[in-house]
């Protein structure tokens, strides 16, 4: 009995792996580039908004602030949820064309890799880089968001993220 269960699990994992690799050159493979790119664009916009608000990196905040975790996950889902749904729909179409059926585990793995992983990997570093370049120093540690916002006037709404070079006479503040 145990050997049969192990063999079935092994067969399933082998099929999942082979089917995931087969997506690289199958029909509608363009989605493997488009969907992560869209997720990265959305994450960049959210990371810049986080930087302007003086908030800590997204994933770090989700992990370290259990009181705000639900709110942060909902905010992230609002950004990346549509890309995730499109990934599910397109992968379902792909599976119906290639496999004549839909495999749920593969569907969830593919949609997660194409939408959620790029979003998480991009949003936090964009926040940190925007804060670093806009203030010329490291971003504030978590919990110091209000002080960071007050000391970083370039991050306030309506102001550019990068300060003009004061040593360059051609580039004056306000231009």
Protein backbone atom coordinates (compact mmCIF):
# COMPACT_ATOMS: atom_id res chain seq x y z
CA UNK A 1 0.00 0.00 0.00
CA UNK A 2 2.74 2.47 1.03
CA UNK A 3 4.78 1.61 -2.09
CA UNK A 4 1.75 2.33 -4.28
CA UNK A 5 1.19 5.73 -2.64
CA UNK A 6 4.89 6.62 -3.03
CA UNK A 7 4.86 5.56 -6.69
CA UNK A 8 1.70 7.59 -7.41
CA UNK A 9 3.17 10.66 -5.71
CA UNK A 10 6.43 10.21 -7.60
CA UNK A 11 4.53 9.85 -10.90
CA UNK A 12 2.51 12.98 -10.16
CA UNK A 13 5.58 15.07 -9.27
CA UNK A 14 7.39 13.81 -12.40
CA UNK A 15 4.40 14.77 -14.57
CA UNK A 16 4.15 18.20 -12.93
CA UNK A 17 7.85 18.87 -13.50
CA UNK A 18 7.77 17.70 -17.14
CA UNK A 19 4.63 19.73 -17.85
CA UNK A 20 6.10 22.86 -16.26
CA UNK A 21 9.25 22.57 -18.36
CA UNK A 22 7.11 21.92 -21.47
CA UNK A 23 5.53 25.38 -21.10
CA UNK A 24 8.76 27.06 -22.22
CA UNK A 25 8.20 26.31 -25.89
CA UNK A 26 4.52 25.39 -26.10
CA UNK A 27 1.61 27.44 -27.35
CA UNK A 28 1.05 30.93 -25.89
CA UNK A 29 4.52 30.89 -24.32
CA UNK A 30 4.70 34.70 -24.63
CA UNK A 31 2.84 34.85 -21.31
CA UNK A 32 5.99 33.60 -19.59
CA UNK A 33 7.54 37.01 -20.35
CA UNK A 34 4.50 39.31 -20.35
CA UNK A 35 2.97 38.30 -17.00
CA UNK A 36 6.12 38.61 -14.88
CA UNK A 37 6.86 41.94 -16.61
CA UNK A 38 3.41 43.29 -15.75
CA UNK A 39 3.75 42.05 -12.17
CA UNK A 40 7.17 43.78 -11.97
CA UNK A 41 5.69 47.05 -13.31
CA UNK A 42 2.90 46.94 -10.73
CA UNK A 43 5.43 46.13 -8.01
CA UNK A 44 7.61 49.05 -9.11
CA UNK A 45 4.70 51.47 -8.87
CA UNK A 46 3.74 50.09 -5.44
CA UNK A 47 7.37 50.21 -4.25
CA UNK A 48 7.65 53.88 -5.28
CA UNK A 49 4.40 54.61 -3.44
CA UNK A 50 5.79 52.82 -0.37
CA UNK A 51 8.96 54.90 -0.58
CA UNK A 52 7.00 58.16 -0.79
CA UNK A 53 5.01 57.08 2.26
CA UNK A 54 8.15 56.12 4.19
CA UNK A 55 6.94 52.55 4.61
CA UNK A 56 9.32 49.59 5.01
CA UNK A 57 9.93 47.04 2.27
CA UNK A 58 6.72 45.13 1.47
CA UNK A 59 7.72 41.53 2.13
CA UNK A 60 9.69 42.53 5.22
CA UNK A 61 6.64 44.36 6.58
CA UNK A 62 4.40 41.35 5.88
CA UNK A 63 6.77 39.05 7.75
CA UNK A 64 7.59 41.30 10.71
CA UNK A 65 4.33 43.15 11.46
CA UNK A 66 1.64 40.59 12.24
CA UNK A 67 -0.83 43.33 13.19
CA UNK A 68 -0.76 44.76 9.65
CA UNK A 69 -0.18 41.49 7.78
CA UNK A 70 -3.76 41.08 6.62
CA UNK A 71 -3.96 44.69 5.41
CA UNK A 72 -0.63 44.41 3.57
CA UNK A 73 -1.55 41.13 1.89
CA UNK A 74 -4.89 42.62 0.78
CA UNK A 75 -3.08 45.66 -0.61
CA UNK A 76 -0.62 43.43 -2.49
CA UNK A 77 -3.45 41.24 -3.78
CA UNK A 78 -5.23 44.34 -5.10
CA UNK A 79 -2.14 45.07 -7.19
CA UNK A 80 -1.26 41.59 -8.40
CA UNK A 81 -4.62 39.77 -8.21
CA UNK A 82 -5.63 40.58 -11.79
CA UNK A 83 -2.29 39.38 -13.13
CA UNK A 84 -2.71 36.18 -11.10
CA UNK A 85 -6.22 35.61 -12.50
CA UNK A 86 -4.98 36.21 -16.07
CA UNK A 87 -2.15 33.73 -15.41
CA UNK A 88 -4.70 31.14 -14.28
CA UNK A 89 -6.92 31.72 -17.32
CA UNK A 90 -4.04 31.59 -19.82
CA UNK A 91 -2.52 28.51 -18.23
CA UNK A 92 -5.93 26.81 -18.25
CA UNK A 93 -6.17 27.52 -21.99
CA UNK A 94 -2.63 26.21 -22.46
CA UNK A 95 -3.42 23.02 -20.54
CA UNK A 96 -6.64 22.43 -22.47
CA UNK A 97 -4.77 22.80 -25.78
CA UNK A 98 -1.79 20.65 -24.82
CA UNK A 99 -3.09 18.16 -22.24
CA UNK A 100 -6.83 18.11 -23.06
CA UNK A 101 -7.50 18.73 -19.36
CA UNK A 102 -6.60 21.04 -16.48
CA UNK A 103 -4.23 20.10 -13.67
CA UNK A 104 -4.92 22.30 -10.64
CA UNK A 105 -1.53 21.98 -8.93
CA UNK A 106 0.33 22.95 -12.09
CA UNK A 107 -2.10 25.80 -12.59
CA UNK A 108 -1.43 27.24 -9.12
CA UNK A 109 2.34 26.77 -9.39
CA UNK A 110 2.49 28.48 -12.78
CA UNK A 111 0.25 31.40 -11.77
CA UNK A 112 2.22 31.93 -8.55
CA UNK A 113 5.57 31.88 -10.34
CA UNK A 114 4.37 34.22 -13.10
CA UNK A 115 2.53 36.78 -10.96
CA UNK A 116 3.20 36.68 -7.23
CA UNK A 117 6.91 35.82 -7.10
CA UNK A 118 8.02 38.69 -9.39
CA UNK A 119 5.81 41.11 -7.45
CA UNK A 120 7.37 40.14 -4.12
CA UNK A 121 10.90 40.15 -5.52
CA UNK A 122 10.57 43.64 -7.07
CA UNK A 123 8.42 45.73 -4.70
CA UNK A 124 10.73 45.77 -1.68
CA UNK A 125 14.00 46.50 -3.53
CA UNK A 126 12.32 49.30 -5.53
CA UNK A 127 11.16 50.85 -2.26
CA UNK A 128 14.65 50.63 -0.78
CA UNK A 129 16.36 52.00 -3.91
CA UNK A 130 13.91 54.88 -4.25
CA UNK A 131 14.43 55.85 -0.63
CA UNK A 132 18.19 55.48 -0.94
CA UNK A 133 18.45 57.63 -4.08
CA UNK A 134 15.97 60.23 -2.93
CA UNK A 135 17.59 60.93 0.42
CA UNK A 136 21.21 60.00 -0.21
CA UNK A 137 21.23 57.69 2.82
CA UNK A 138 19.86 54.35 3.95
CA UNK A 139 16.13 54.01 4.44
CA UNK A 140 14.70 54.22 7.92
CA UNK A 141 14.32 51.01 9.89
CA UNK A 142 10.79 49.58 10.21
CA UNK A 143 8.73 51.54 12.70
CA UNK A 144 10.45 54.84 11.88
CA UNK A 145 8.26 55.63 8.87
CA UNK A 146 6.92 58.94 10.22
CA UNK A 147 10.38 60.29 11.05
CA UNK A 148 11.70 59.14 7.67
CA UNK A 149 8.88 60.94 5.85
CA UNK A 150 9.48 64.20 7.76
CA UNK A 151 13.22 64.10 7.03
CA UNK A 152 12.81 63.26 3.34
CA UNK A 153 11.01 66.18 1.66
CA UNK A 154 11.71 64.84 -1.84
CA UNK A 155 9.49 61.85 -1.11
CA UNK A 156 6.38 63.89 -0.40
CA UNK A 157 3.51 63.70 -2.86
CA UNK A 158 4.02 65.69 -6.03
CA UNK A 159 7.81 65.98 -5.64
CA UNK A 160 10.31 64.15 -7.83
CA UNK A 161 12.04 61.15 -6.32
CA UNK A 162 15.51 62.42 -7.21
CA UNK A 163 16.80 65.76 -5.94
CA UNK A 164 18.34 68.18 -8.45
CA UNK A 165 22.10 68.42 -8.39
CA UNK A 166 22.86 71.62 -6.47
CA UNK A 167 26.40 71.77 -7.91
CA UNK A 168 25.13 71.79 -11.49
CA UNK A 169 24.09 75.33 -12.53
CA UNK A 170 22.00 73.97 -15.41
CA UNK A 171 19.87 71.90 -13.07
CA UNK A 172 18.17 74.21 -10.58
CA UNK A 173 15.61 73.23 -7.96
CA UNK A 174 12.11 73.33 -9.37
CA UNK A 175 13.16 72.31 -12.91
